[in-house]
């Protein structure tokens, strides 16, 4: 079972680093053997001793890979600590026993000191187990960081693609509605048509150029929204009561562009055209705090509209954009009754 695991896992390990590790181990083990035994000389190394060293390194490799490929992933990583501890002790004792028997055979049936030999073998196997485990932890940590970086990059590319797709929907949707306003005025041969064209030019400049940036100051966004409201007012009934209030002076706060236009479009679409008496639209931007932008809009609507107000492309679009751009950093509350539709949106920018 253990050897099957080793073969199954071997493909995932780089062969050269492992060979390099064990070659260095052979050299260091030989040097340590020379300098830790006072009666031992480098010239005393013969074929039998060399085979003994290689067998010892082989037993160490078995113990190391049992630990790395079986004990750690199957028991330690699964939080089965007692079994891991017991089996790790058995792994160490197995190495000591096997290596002692082989060394006893190669040294002619005798050991210079039984106790010191056991202690030396215990220190040796513990040293290799600790070093190999630390190397594995370091390697896994680096690999995990690489995987996380790749995942973040893929997620970033996915979000950017989704945002581009959503942004591609905003432009034609917005211009379609605005051109409808121009069309209505030209049919009526209104004297306001030339002024509307100038305002539309300003709006197009914002959408084409300014909104291409990831973040736009609220000062520019408010100018854009006020221009849009001006155009909508030209084709609405004078009975519409419209309040546009800006609280605070933090106009330098930056947010994603075109977050609010869908709500205002929706308000004009359903509030200004409501058959109820005294139609109204109330808009408030709260810029009093430098770490957030508060937005509230409320309008009346028909008691039994044919379609749900929040089912259009505009509101669906902005909801998705908020989830992508400000995950966990925005609060959106949409409240709807038979006659009132309201939206409260807070975007945290820091």
C-alpha atoms as a PDB file:
ATOM      1  CA  UNK A   1       0.000   0.000   0.000  1.00  0.00           C
ATOM      2  CA  UNK A   2       2.777   2.392   0.945  1.00  0.00           C
ATOM      3  CA  UNK A   3       4.787   1.611  -2.163  1.00  0.00           C
ATOM      4  CA  UNK A   4       1.698   2.050  -4.343  1.00  0.00           C
ATOM      5  CA  UNK A   5       1.238   5.456  -2.783  1.00  0.00           C
ATOM      6  CA  UNK A   6       4.860   6.270  -3.487  1.00  0.00           C
ATOM      7  CA  UNK A   7       4.510   5.242  -7.123  1.00  0.00           C
ATOM      8  CA  UNK A   8       1.225   7.134  -7.458  1.00  0.00           C
ATOM      9  CA  UNK A   9       2.680  10.269  -5.953  1.00  0.00           C
ATOM     10  CA  UNK A  10       6.061  10.030  -7.648  1.00  0.00           C
ATOM     11  CA  UNK A  11       4.801  11.703 -10.794  1.00  0.00           C
ATOM     12  CA  UNK A  12       4.021  14.808  -8.798  1.00  0.00           C
ATOM     13  CA  UNK A  13       7.554  15.070  -7.434  1.00  0.00           C
ATOM     14  CA  UNK A  14      10.443  16.514  -9.326  1.00  0.00           C
ATOM     15  CA  UNK A  15      13.016  13.748  -9.757  1.00  0.00           C
ATOM     16  CA  UNK A  16      16.140  15.904  -9.949  1.00  0.00           C
ATOM     17  CA  UNK A  17      15.686  17.783  -6.630  1.00  0.00           C
ATOM     18  CA  UNK A  18      15.084  14.488  -4.830  1.00  0.00           C
ATOM     19  CA  UNK A  19      18.137  12.837  -6.338  1.00  0.00           C
ATOM     20  CA  UNK A  20      20.168  15.906  -5.465  1.00  0.00           C
ATOM     21  CA  UNK A  21      18.891  15.779  -1.879  1.00  0.00           C
ATOM     22  CA  UNK A  22      19.879  12.141  -1.413  1.00  0.00           C
ATOM     23  CA  UNK A  23      23.284  12.563  -3.039  1.00  0.00           C
ATOM     24  CA  UNK A  24      24.025  15.381  -0.609  1.00  0.00           C
ATOM     25  CA  UNK A  25      22.735  13.167   2.201  1.00  0.00           C
ATOM     26  CA  UNK A  26      25.168  10.399   1.251  1.00  0.00           C
ATOM     27  CA  UNK A  27      28.085  12.849   1.289  1.00  0.00           C
ATOM     28  CA  UNK A  28      27.090  14.430   4.588  1.00  0.00           C
ATOM     29  CA  UNK A  29      26.400  11.066   6.191  1.00  0.00           C
ATOM     30  CA  UNK A  30      29.847   9.829   5.161  1.00  0.00           C
ATOM     31  CA  UNK A  31      31.542  12.987   6.453  1.00  0.00           C
ATOM     32  CA  UNK A  32      29.630  12.740   9.733  1.00  0.00           C
ATOM     33  CA  UNK A  33      30.643   9.113  10.054  1.00  0.00           C
ATOM     34  CA  UNK A  34      34.282  10.049   9.624  1.00  0.00           C
ATOM     35  CA  UNK A  35      34.275  12.881  12.154  1.00  0.00           C
ATOM     36  CA  UNK A  36      32.047  11.325  14.825  1.00  0.00           C
ATOM     37  CA  UNK A  37      34.025   8.139  15.192  1.00  0.00           C
ATOM     38  CA  UNK A  38      37.486   8.828  16.551  1.00  0.00           C
ATOM     39  CA  UNK A  39      38.919   5.503  15.399  1.00  0.00           C
ATOM     40  CA  UNK A  40      37.521   5.860  11.901  1.00  0.00           C
ATOM     41  CA  UNK A  41      39.537   7.014   8.912  1.00  0.00           C
ATOM     42  CA  UNK A  42      38.345   8.020   5.441  1.00  0.00           C
ATOM     43  CA  UNK A  43      40.738   5.458   3.974  1.00  0.00           C
ATOM     44  CA  UNK A  44      38.955   2.714   5.914  1.00  0.00           C
ATOM     45  CA  UNK A  45      35.956   2.949   3.603  1.00  0.00           C
ATOM     46  CA  UNK A  46      35.634  -0.236   1.539  1.00  0.00           C
ATOM     47  CA  UNK A  47      32.935  -1.818  -0.594  1.00  0.00           C
ATOM     48  CA  UNK A  48      31.172  -3.390   2.383  1.00  0.00           C
ATOM     49  CA  UNK A  49      31.069  -0.100   4.266  1.00  0.00           C
ATOM     50  CA  UNK A  50      29.925   1.770   1.181  1.00  0.00           C
ATOM     51  CA  UNK A  51      27.093  -0.735   0.701  1.00  0.00           C
ATOM     52  CA  UNK A  52      26.223  -0.353   4.394  1.00  0.00           C
ATOM     53  CA  UNK A  53      26.025   3.451   3.984  1.00  0.00           C
ATOM     54  CA  UNK A  54      23.852   3.122   0.885  1.00  0.00           C
ATOM     55  CA  UNK A  55      21.516   0.698   2.664  1.00  0.00           C
ATOM     56  CA  UNK A  56      21.249   3.100   5.597  1.00  0.00           C
ATOM     57  CA  UNK A  57      20.391   5.933   3.213  1.00  0.00           C
ATOM     58  CA  UNK A  58      17.883   3.600   1.548  1.00  0.00           C
ATOM     59  CA  UNK A  59      16.187   2.896   4.896  1.00  0.00           C
ATOM     60  CA  UNK A  60      16.149   6.637   5.598  1.00  0.00           C
ATOM     61  CA  UNK A  61      14.498   7.259   2.232  1.00  0.00           C
ATOM     62  CA  UNK A  62      11.812   4.669   3.013  1.00  0.00           C
ATOM     63  CA  UNK A  63      11.131   6.301   6.394  1.00  0.00           C
ATOM     64  CA  UNK A  64      11.081   9.782   4.873  1.00  0.00           C
ATOM     65  CA  UNK A  65       8.672   8.862   2.071  1.00  0.00           C
ATOM     66  CA  UNK A  66       6.431   6.884   4.405  1.00  0.00           C
ATOM     67  CA  UNK A  67       6.177  10.068   6.418  1.00  0.00           C
ATOM     68  CA  UNK A  68       5.706  12.422   3.458  1.00  0.00           C
ATOM     69  CA  UNK A  69       3.434  10.330   1.258  1.00  0.00           C
ATOM     70  CA  UNK A  70       1.356   8.433   3.789  1.00  0.00           C
ATOM     71  CA  UNK A  71       1.527   9.568   7.405  1.00  0.00           C
ATOM     72  CA  UNK A  72       1.266  13.331   6.855  1.00  0.00           C
ATOM     73  CA  UNK A  73      -1.466  13.408   4.142  1.00  0.00           C
ATOM     74  CA  UNK A  74      -3.542  10.492   5.471  1.00  0.00           C
ATOM     75  CA  UNK A  75      -3.313  11.069   9.228  1.00  0.00           C
ATOM     76  CA  UNK A  76      -1.823  14.452  10.143  1.00  0.00           C
ATOM     77  CA  UNK A  77      -3.656  16.510   7.516  1.00  0.00           C
ATOM     78  CA  UNK A  78      -6.885  14.703   8.385  1.00  0.00           C
ATOM     79  CA  UNK A  79      -6.428  15.672  12.055  1.00  0.00           C
ATOM     80  CA  UNK A  80      -5.981  12.066  13.145  1.00  0.00           C
ATOM     81  CA  UNK A  81      -3.109  13.104  15.389  1.00  0.00           C
ATOM     82  CA  UNK A  82      -2.995  10.109  17.732  1.00  0.00           C
ATOM     83  CA  UNK A  83      -2.733   7.625  14.875  1.00  0.00           C
ATOM     84  CA  UNK A  84      -0.131   9.832  13.219  1.00  0.00           C
ATOM     85  CA  UNK A  85       1.921   9.956  16.419  1.00  0.00           C
ATOM     86  CA  UNK A  86       1.736   6.182  17.002  1.00  0.00           C
ATOM     87  CA  UNK A  87       2.553   5.296  13.384  1.00  0.00           C
ATOM     88  CA  UNK A  88       5.384   7.846  13.276  1.00  0.00           C
ATOM     89  CA  UNK A  89       6.957   6.185  16.311  1.00  0.00           C
ATOM     90  CA  UNK A  90       6.548   2.809  14.591  1.00  0.00           C
ATOM     91  CA  UNK A  91       8.183   4.251  11.476  1.00  0.00           C
ATOM     92  CA  UNK A  92      11.169   5.465  13.505  1.00  0.00           C
ATOM     93  CA  UNK A  93      11.514   2.191  15.411  1.00  0.00           C
ATOM     94  CA  UNK A  94      11.341   0.237  12.147  1.00  0.00           C
ATOM     95  CA  UNK A  95      14.267   2.228  10.740  1.00  0.00           C
ATOM     96  CA  UNK A  96      16.306   1.785  13.930  1.00  0.00           C
ATOM     97  CA  UNK A  97      15.665  -1.955  13.997  1.00  0.00           C
ATOM     98  CA  UNK A  98      16.421  -2.562  10.312  1.00  0.00           C
ATOM     99  CA  UNK A  99      19.490  -0.364  10.284  1.00  0.00           C
ATOM    100  CA  UNK A 100      20.803  -1.917  13.500  1.00  0.00           C
ATOM    101  CA  UNK A 101      20.427  -5.417  12.109  1.00  0.00           C
ATOM    102  CA  UNK A 102      22.145  -4.520   8.811  1.00  0.00           C
ATOM    103  CA  UNK A 103      24.950  -2.632  10.572  1.00  0.00           C
ATOM    104  CA  UNK A 104      25.384  -5.562  12.959  1.00  0.00           C
ATOM    105  CA  UNK A 105      25.749  -7.898   9.964  1.00  0.00           C
ATOM    106  CA  UNK A 106      28.210  -5.675   8.072  1.00  0.00           C
ATOM    107  CA  UNK A 107      30.323  -5.089  11.166  1.00  0.00           C
ATOM    108  CA  UNK A 108      30.832  -8.791  11.743  1.00  0.00           C
ATOM    109  CA  UNK A 109      28.248  -9.428  14.410  1.00  0.00           C
ATOM    110  CA  UNK A 110      29.293  -6.766  16.879  1.00  0.00           C
ATOM    111  CA  UNK A 111      28.687  -3.107  17.732  1.00  0.00           C
ATOM    112  CA  UNK A 112      31.177  -0.946  19.598  1.00  0.00           C
ATOM    113  CA  UNK A 113      28.418   0.351  21.882  1.00  0.00           C
ATOM    114  CA  UNK A 114      24.806  -0.816  21.661  1.00  0.00           C
ATOM    115  CA  UNK A 115      23.269   2.193  23.448  1.00  0.00           C
ATOM    116  CA  UNK A 116      25.265   4.864  21.599  1.00  0.00           C
ATOM    117  CA  UNK A 117      24.505   3.167  18.270  1.00  0.00           C
ATOM    118  CA  UNK A 118      20.746   3.254  18.952  1.00  0.00           C
ATOM    119  CA  UNK A 119      20.925   6.912  20.006  1.00  0.00           C
ATOM    120  CA  UNK A 120      22.909   7.809  16.879  1.00  0.00           C
ATOM    121  CA  UNK A 121      20.385   6.080  14.624  1.00  0.00           C
ATOM    122  CA  UNK A 122      17.465   7.799  16.439  1.00  0.00           C
ATOM    123  CA  UNK A 123      19.071  11.214  15.980  1.00  0.00           C
ATOM    124  CA  UNK A 124      19.804  10.397  12.346  1.00  0.00           C
ATOM    125  CA  UNK A 125      16.241   9.396  11.425  1.00  0.00           C
ATOM    126  CA  UNK A 126      14.721  12.281  13.400  1.00  0.00           C
ATOM    127  CA  UNK A 127      17.033  14.726  11.631  1.00  0.00           C
ATOM    128  CA  UNK A 128      16.017  13.461   8.195  1.00  0.00           C
ATOM    129  CA  UNK A 129      12.324  13.388   9.069  1.00  0.00           C
ATOM    130  CA  UNK A 130      12.388  16.941  10.412  1.00  0.00           C
ATOM    131  CA  UNK A 131      14.433  18.375   7.530  1.00  0.00           C
ATOM    132  CA  UNK A 132      12.352  16.616   4.855  1.00  0.00           C
ATOM    133  CA  UNK A 133       9.099  17.713   6.519  1.00  0.00           C
ATOM    134  CA  UNK A 134      10.268  21.332   6.674  1.00  0.00           C
ATOM    135  CA  UNK A 135      11.279  21.197   3.014  1.00  0.00           C
ATOM    136  CA  UNK A 136       7.866  19.786   2.131  1.00  0.00           C
ATOM    137  CA  UNK A 137       6.093  22.500   4.131  1.00  0.00           C
ATOM    138  CA  UNK A 138       8.144  25.185   2.389  1.00  0.00           C
ATOM    139  CA  UNK A 139       7.478  23.682  -1.035  1.00  0.00           C
ATOM    140  CA  UNK A 140       3.746  23.272  -0.367  1.00  0.00           C
ATOM    141  CA  UNK A 141       3.577  26.851   0.869  1.00  0.00           C
ATOM    142  CA  UNK A 142       5.216  28.140  -2.318  1.00  0.00           C
ATOM    143  CA  UNK A 143       2.955  25.963  -4.477  1.00  0.00           C
ATOM    144  CA  UNK A 144      -0.105  27.147  -2.564  1.00  0.00           C
ATOM    145  CA  UNK A 145       0.889  30.758  -3.088  1.00  0.00           C
ATOM    146  CA  UNK A 146       1.366  30.084  -6.809  1.00  0.00           C
ATOM    147  CA  UNK A 147      -2.070  28.438  -7.018  1.00  0.00           C
ATOM    148  CA  UNK A 148      -3.686  31.306  -5.122  1.00  0.00           C
ATOM    149  CA  UNK A 149      -2.016  33.845  -7.398  1.00  0.00           C
ATOM    150  CA  UNK A 150      -3.196  31.972 -10.487  1.00  0.00           C
ATOM    151  CA  UNK A 151      -6.709  31.696  -9.077  1.00  0.00           C
ATOM    152  CA  UNK A 152      -6.769  35.399  -8.256  1.00  0.00           C
ATOM    153  CA  UNK A 153      -5.538  36.227 -11.757  1.00  0.00           C
ATOM    154  CA  UNK A 154      -8.200  33.999 -13.336  1.00  0.00           C
ATOM    155  CA  UNK A 155     -10.860  35.515 -11.078  1.00  0.00           C
ATOM    156  CA  UNK A 156      -9.652  39.005 -11.950  1.00  0.00           C
ATOM    157  CA  UNK A 157      -9.826  38.248 -15.669  1.00  0.00           C
ATOM    158  CA  UNK A 158     -13.294  36.768 -15.218  1.00  0.00           C
ATOM    159  CA  UNK A 159     -14.520  39.848 -13.345  1.00  0.00           C
ATOM    160  CA  UNK A 160     -13.001  42.180 -15.926  1.00  0.00           C
ATOM    161  CA  UNK A 161     -14.709  40.230 -18.720  1.00  0.00           C
ATOM    162  CA  UNK A 162     -18.067  40.365 -16.922  1.00  0.00           C
ATOM    163  CA  UNK A 163     -17.686  44.080 -16.242  1.00  0.00           C
ATOM    164  CA  UNK A 164     -16.873  44.759 -19.875  1.00  0.00           C
ATOM    165  CA  UNK A 165     -19.937  42.790 -20.927  1.00  0.00           C
ATOM    166  CA  UNK A 166     -22.130  44.714 -18.490  1.00  0.00           C
ATOM    167  CA  UNK A 167     -20.587  48.030 -19.541  1.00  0.00           C
ATOM    168  CA  UNK A 168     -21.247  47.167 -23.168  1.00  0.00           C
ATOM    169  CA  UNK A 169     -24.934  46.885 -22.257  1.00  0.00           C
ATOM    170  CA  UNK A 170     -25.020  50.246 -20.463  1.00  0.00           C
ATOM    171  CA  UNK A 171     -23.959  52.474 -23.350  1.00  0.00           C
ATOM    172  CA  UNK A 172     -26.559  51.482 -25.962  1.00  0.00           C
ATOM    173  CA  UNK A 173     -29.268  51.211 -23.296  1.00  0.00           C
ATOM    174  CA  UNK A 174     -28.546  54.731 -22.043  1.00  0.00           C
ATOM    175  CA  UNK A 175     -28.310  56.285 -25.500  1.00  0.00           C
ATOM    176  CA  UNK A 176     -31.478  54.529 -26.611  1.00  0.00           C
ATOM    177  CA  UNK A 177     -33.426  56.217 -23.823  1.00  0.00           C
ATOM    178  CA  UNK A 178     -31.805  59.607 -24.374  1.00  0.00           C
ATOM    179  CA  UNK A 179     -32.387  59.529 -28.134  1.00  0.00           C
ATOM    180  CA  UNK A 180     -36.031  58.796 -27.397  1.00  0.00           C
ATOM    181  CA  UNK A 181     -36.158  62.120 -25.580  1.00  0.00           C
ATOM    182  CA  UNK A 182     -34.620  63.906 -28.561  1.00  0.00           C
ATOM    183  CA  UNK A 183     -37.022  62.149 -30.928  1.00  0.00           C
ATOM    184  CA  UNK A 184     -40.030  63.273 -28.906  1.00  0.00           C
ATOM    185  CA  UNK A 185     -38.925  66.915 -28.908  1.00  0.00           C
ATOM    186  CA  UNK A 186     -38.169  66.981 -32.627  1.00  0.00           C
ATOM    187  CA  UNK A 187     -41.608  65.548 -33.369  1.00  0.00           C
ATOM    188  CA  UNK A 188     -43.112  68.399 -31.392  1.00  0.00           C
ATOM    189  CA  UNK A 189     -40.759  70.834 -33.156  1.00  0.00           C
ATOM    190  CA  UNK A 190     -39.730  72.079 -29.764  1.00  0.00           C
ATOM    191  CA  UNK A 191     -37.416  75.081 -29.494  1.00  0.00           C
ATOM    192  CA  UNK A 192     -35.606  73.150 -26.792  1.00  0.00           C
ATOM    193  CA  UNK A 193     -34.292  70.578 -29.271  1.00  0.00           C
ATOM    194  CA  UNK A 194     -30.998  72.436 -30.032  1.00  0.00           C
ATOM    195  CA  UNK A 195     -30.299  72.807 -26.317  1.00  0.00           C
ATOM    196  CA  UNK A 196     -31.069  69.138 -25.810  1.00  0.00           C
ATOM    197  CA  UNK A 197     -28.562  68.235 -28.535  1.00  0.00           C
ATOM    198  CA  UNK A 198     -25.854  70.210 -26.716  1.00  0.00           C
ATOM    199  CA  UNK A 199     -26.674  68.494 -23.453  1.00  0.00           C
ATOM    200  CA  UNK A 200     -26.705  65.153 -25.218  1.00  0.00           C
ATOM    201  CA  UNK A 201     -23.247  65.939 -26.578  1.00  0.00           C
ATOM    202  CA  UNK A 202     -22.007  66.508 -23.028  1.00  0.00           C
ATOM    203  CA  UNK A 203     -23.568  63.236 -21.916  1.00  0.00           C
ATOM    204  CA  UNK A 204     -21.993  61.348 -24.799  1.00  0.00           C
ATOM    205  CA  UNK A 205     -18.603  62.838 -23.956  1.00  0.00           C
ATOM    206  CA  UNK A 206     -18.923  61.557 -20.397  1.00  0.00           C
ATOM    207  CA  UNK A 207     -20.056  58.080 -21.408  1.00  0.00           C
ATOM    208  CA  UNK A 208     -17.477  57.685 -24.179  1.00  0.00           C
ATOM    209  CA  UNK A 209     -14.463  59.214 -22.416  1.00  0.00           C
ATOM    210  CA  UNK A 210     -14.937  59.849 -18.705  1.00  0.00           C
ATOM    211  CA  UNK A 211     -16.716  56.585 -17.902  1.00  0.00           C
ATOM    212  CA  UNK A 212     -13.920  54.508 -19.433  1.00  0.00           C
ATOM    213  CA  UNK A 213     -11.929  55.050 -16.234  1.00  0.00           C
ATOM    214  CA  UNK A 214     -12.417  52.546 -13.445  1.00  0.00           C
ATOM    215  CA  UNK A 215     -13.161  55.333 -10.971  1.00  0.00           C
ATOM    216  CA  UNK A 216     -14.597  58.799 -11.587  1.00  0.00           C
ATOM    217  CA  UNK A 217     -14.897  61.679  -9.074  1.00  0.00           C
ATOM    218  CA  UNK A 218     -18.407  62.249  -7.783  1.00  0.00           C
ATOM    219  CA  UNK A 219     -18.209  65.874  -8.923  1.00  0.00           C
ATOM    220  CA  UNK A 220     -18.118  64.815 -12.585  1.00  0.00           C
ATOM    221  CA  UNK A 221     -20.726  62.122 -12.032  1.00  0.00           C
ATOM    222  CA  UNK A 222     -23.135  64.605 -10.443  1.00  0.00           C
ATOM    223  CA  UNK A 223     -22.694  66.997 -13.384  1.00  0.00           C
ATOM    224  CA  UNK A 224     -23.512  64.125 -15.712  1.00  0.00           C
ATOM    225  CA  UNK A 225     -26.602  63.114 -13.731  1.00  0.00           C
ATOM    226  CA  UNK A 226     -27.870  66.698 -13.511  1.00  0.00           C
ATOM    227  CA  UNK A 227     -27.512  67.063 -17.260  1.00  0.00           C
ATOM    228  CA  UNK A 228     -29.462  63.869 -17.778  1.00  0.00           C
ATOM    229  CA  UNK A 229     -32.191  65.043 -15.390  1.00  0.00           C
ATOM    230  CA  UNK A 230     -32.377  68.326 -17.296  1.00  0.00           C
ATOM    231  CA  UNK A 231     -33.018  66.414 -20.520  1.00  0.00           C
ATOM    232  CA  UNK A 232     -35.675  64.248 -18.937  1.00  0.00           C
ATOM    233  CA  UNK A 233     -37.397  67.273 -17.439  1.00  0.00           C
ATOM    234  CA  UNK A 234     -37.859  68.703 -20.920  1.00  0.00           C
ATOM    235  CA  UNK A 235     -40.291  65.945 -21.834  1.00  0.00           C
ATOM    236  CA  UNK A 236     -42.132  65.476 -18.548  1.00  0.00           C
ATOM    237  CA  UNK A 237     -45.252  67.083 -17.244  1.00  0.00           C
ATOM    238  CA  UNK A 238     -44.765  70.254 -15.227  1.00  0.00           C
ATOM    239  CA  UNK A 239     -46.699  68.677 -12.366  1.00  0.00           C
ATOM    240  CA  UNK A 240     -43.712  66.476 -11.595  1.00  0.00           C
ATOM    241  CA  UNK A 241     -42.060  67.510  -8.335  1.00  0.00           C
ATOM    242  CA  UNK A 242     -38.346  66.748  -8.535  1.00  0.00           C
ATOM    243  CA  UNK A 243     -35.909  67.313  -5.701  1.00  0.00           C
ATOM    244  CA  UNK A 244     -32.178  66.803  -6.228  1.00  0.00           C
ATOM    245  CA  UNK A 245     -30.194  67.293  -3.028  1.00  0.00           C
ATOM    246  CA  UNK A 246     -26.436  67.004  -2.453  1.00  0.00           C
ATOM    247  CA  UNK A 247     -25.287  66.749   1.140  1.00  0.00           C
ATOM    248  CA  UNK A 248     -21.648  67.325   1.922  1.00  0.00           C
ATOM    249  CA  UNK A 249     -18.780  68.632  -0.175  1.00  0.00           C
ATOM    250  CA  UNK A 250     -16.573  65.575  -0.699  1.00  0.00           C
ATOM    251  CA  UNK A 251     -16.869  65.798  -4.475  1.00  0.00           C
ATOM    252  CA  UNK A 252     -13.412  64.260  -4.916  1.00  0.00           C
ATOM    253  CA  UNK A 253     -14.654  60.839  -3.762  1.00  0.00           C
ATOM    254  CA  UNK A 254     -14.294  58.370  -6.619  1.00  0.00           C
ATOM    255  CA  UNK A 255     -16.677  55.547  -7.472  1.00  0.00           C
ATOM    256  CA  UNK A 256     -17.310  53.395 -10.518  1.00  0.00           C
ATOM    257  CA  UNK A 257     -19.083  55.389 -13.257  1.00  0.00           C
ATOM    258  CA  UNK A 258     -22.706  54.904 -14.285  1.00  0.00           C
ATOM    259  CA  UNK A 259     -23.781  53.271 -11.038  1.00  0.00           C
ATOM    260  CA  UNK A 260     -26.698  55.618 -10.401  1.00  0.00           C
ATOM    261  CA  UNK A 261     -28.085  56.392 -13.842  1.00  0.00           C
ATOM    262  CA  UNK A 262     -30.202  53.220 -13.989  1.00  0.00           C
ATOM    263  CA  UNK A 263     -32.061  54.150 -10.797  1.00  0.00           C
ATOM    264  CA  UNK A 264     -32.746  57.659 -12.072  1.00  0.00           C
ATOM    265  CA  UNK A 265     -33.866  56.319 -15.459  1.00  0.00           C
ATOM    266  CA  UNK A 266     -36.201  53.959 -13.671  1.00  0.00           C
ATOM    267  CA  UNK A 267     -37.634  56.798 -11.583  1.00  0.00           C
ATOM    268  CA  UNK A 268     -38.431  58.904 -14.647  1.00  0.00           C
ATOM    269  CA  UNK A 269     -39.809  55.924 -16.501  1.00  0.00           C
ATOM    270  CA  UNK A 270     -42.271  54.979 -13.786  1.00  0.00           C
ATOM    271  CA  UNK A 271     -42.530  58.005 -11.524  1.00  0.00           C
ATOM    272  CA  UNK A 272     -42.792  60.840 -14.021  1.00  0.00           C
ATOM    273  CA  UNK A 273     -45.253  58.879 -16.161  1.00  0.00           C
ATOM    274  CA  UNK A 274     -47.362  57.779 -13.234  1.00  0.00           C
ATOM    275  CA  UNK A 275     -51.050  58.480 -13.654  1.00  0.00           C
ATOM    276  CA  UNK A 276     -51.297  59.391 -10.017  1.00  0.00           C
ATOM    277  CA  UNK A 277     -51.772  62.971  -9.003  1.00  0.00           C
ATOM    278  CA  UNK A 278     -48.716  64.884  -7.874  1.00  0.00           C
ATOM    279  CA  UNK A 279     -45.965  62.657  -9.284  1.00  0.00           C
ATOM    280  CA  UNK A 280     -42.627  63.105  -7.548  1.00  0.00           C
ATOM    281  CA  UNK A 281     -38.987  62.047  -7.621  1.00  0.00           C
ATOM    282  CA  UNK A 282     -36.734  62.688  -4.643  1.00  0.00           C
ATOM    283  CA  UNK A 283     -32.969  62.209  -5.076  1.00  0.00           C
ATOM    284  CA  UNK A 284     -30.358  62.605  -2.342  1.00  0.00           C
ATOM    285  CA  UNK A 285     -26.588  62.142  -2.556  1.00  0.00           C
ATOM    286  CA  UNK A 286     -24.812  62.004   0.796  1.00  0.00           C
ATOM    287  CA  UNK A 287     -21.144  62.998   0.506  1.00  0.00           C
ATOM    288  CA  UNK A 288     -20.633  64.066   4.097  1.00  0.00           C
ATOM    289  CA  UNK A 289     -18.237  61.183   4.881  1.00  0.00           C
ATOM    290  CA  UNK A 290     -15.036  60.686   2.931  1.00  0.00           C
ATOM    291  CA  UNK A 291     -15.154  56.869   3.026  1.00  0.00           C
ATOM    292  CA  UNK A 292     -18.575  56.308   1.458  1.00  0.00           C
ATOM    293  CA  UNK A 293     -21.194  57.621  -0.922  1.00  0.00           C
ATOM    294  CA  UNK A 294     -24.813  57.482   0.122  1.00  0.00           C
ATOM    295  CA  UNK A 295     -27.598  57.574  -2.461  1.00  0.00           C
ATOM    296  CA  UNK A 296     -31.351  57.575  -2.026  1.00  0.00           C
ATOM    297  CA  UNK A 297     -34.073  57.890  -4.621  1.00  0.00           C
ATOM    298  CA  UNK A 298     -37.827  57.633  -4.172  1.00  0.00           C
ATOM    299  CA  UNK A 299     -40.657  57.968  -6.659  1.00  0.00           C
ATOM    300  CA  UNK A 300     -44.326  57.131  -6.909  1.00  0.00           C
ATOM    301  CA  UNK A 301     -45.657  54.635  -9.397  1.00  0.00           C
ATOM    302  CA  UNK A 302     -48.854  53.142 -10.663  1.00  0.00           C
ATOM    303  CA  UNK A 303     -50.584  50.827  -8.254  1.00  0.00           C
ATOM    304  CA  UNK A 304     -50.660  47.877 -10.665  1.00  0.00           C
ATOM    305  CA  UNK A 305     -47.820  48.189 -13.167  1.00  0.00           C
ATOM    306  CA  UNK A 306     -47.729  45.623 -15.930  1.00  0.00           C
ATOM    307  CA  UNK A 307     -44.084  44.749 -15.286  1.00  0.00           C
ATOM    308  CA  UNK A 308     -41.962  44.648 -12.168  1.00  0.00           C
ATOM    309  CA  UNK A 309     -39.940  47.800 -11.790  1.00  0.00           C
ATOM    310  CA  UNK A 310     -36.715  46.077 -10.955  1.00  0.00           C
ATOM    311  CA  UNK A 311     -36.825  43.607 -13.795  1.00  0.00           C
ATOM    312  CA  UNK A 312     -35.322  45.787 -16.528  1.00  0.00           C
ATOM    313  CA  UNK A 313     -31.837  45.594 -17.954  1.00  0.00           C
ATOM    314  CA  UNK A 314     -30.737  48.767 -16.163  1.00  0.00           C
ATOM    315  CA  UNK A 315     -31.387  47.744 -12.568  1.00  0.00           C
ATOM    316  CA  UNK A 316     -30.311  44.155 -13.159  1.00  0.00           C
ATOM    317  CA  UNK A 317     -27.111  45.440 -14.720  1.00  0.00           C
ATOM    318  CA  UNK A 318     -26.206  47.806 -11.899  1.00  0.00           C
ATOM    319  CA  UNK A 319     -26.923  45.123  -9.293  1.00  0.00           C
ATOM    320  CA  UNK A 320     -24.455  42.748 -10.982  1.00  0.00           C
ATOM    321  CA  UNK A 321     -21.863  45.502 -11.302  1.00  0.00           C
ATOM    322  CA  UNK A 322     -22.133  46.296  -7.609  1.00  0.00           C
ATOM    323  CA  UNK A 323     -21.597  42.641  -6.721  1.00  0.00           C
ATOM    324  CA  UNK A 324     -18.478  42.507  -8.897  1.00  0.00           C
ATOM    325  CA  UNK A 325     -16.996  45.914  -8.107  1.00  0.00           C
ATOM    326  CA  UNK A 326     -17.878  46.223  -4.434  1.00  0.00           C
ATOM    327  CA  UNK A 327     -18.209  42.716  -2.967  1.00  0.00           C
ATOM    328  CA  UNK A 328     -18.963  43.173   0.719  1.00  0.00           C
ATOM    329  CA  UNK A 329     -18.455  46.927   0.349  1.00  0.00           C
ATOM    330  CA  UNK A 330     -21.920  48.099  -0.566  1.00  0.00           C
ATOM    331  CA  UNK A 331     -25.425  48.090   0.862  1.00  0.00           C
ATOM    332  CA  UNK A 332     -28.350  48.081  -1.540  1.00  0.00           C
ATOM    333  CA  UNK A 333     -31.930  48.181  -0.292  1.00  0.00           C
ATOM    334  CA  UNK A 334     -34.806  48.272  -2.779  1.00  0.00           C
ATOM    335  CA  UNK A 335     -38.228  48.823  -1.245  1.00  0.00           C
ATOM    336  CA  UNK A 336     -41.448  48.634  -3.240  1.00  0.00           C
ATOM    337  CA  UNK A 337     -45.061  49.122  -2.262  1.00  0.00           C
ATOM    338  CA  UNK A 338     -48.207  49.501  -4.361  1.00  0.00           C
ATOM    339  CA  UNK A 339     -47.526  53.197  -4.922  1.00  0.00           C
ATOM    340  CA  UNK A 340     -43.910  53.898  -3.894  1.00  0.00           C
ATOM    341  CA  UNK A 341     -40.585  52.644  -5.173  1.00  0.00           C
ATOM    342  CA  UNK A 342     -37.387  53.571  -3.293  1.00  0.00           C
ATOM    343  CA  UNK A 343     -33.708  52.679  -3.430  1.00  0.00           C
ATOM    344  CA  UNK A 344     -31.015  53.222  -0.817  1.00  0.00           C
ATOM    345  CA  UNK A 345     -27.445  52.521  -1.879  1.00  0.00           C
ATOM    346  CA  UNK A 346     -24.281  53.006   0.147  1.00  0.00           C
ATOM    347  CA  UNK A 347     -20.912  52.387  -1.483  1.00  0.00           C
ATOM    348  CA  UNK A 348     -17.844  52.183   0.754  1.00  0.00           C
ATOM    349  CA  UNK A 349     -14.818  53.490  -1.111  1.00  0.00           C
ATOM    350  CA  UNK A 350     -12.083  52.870   1.490  1.00  0.00           C
END
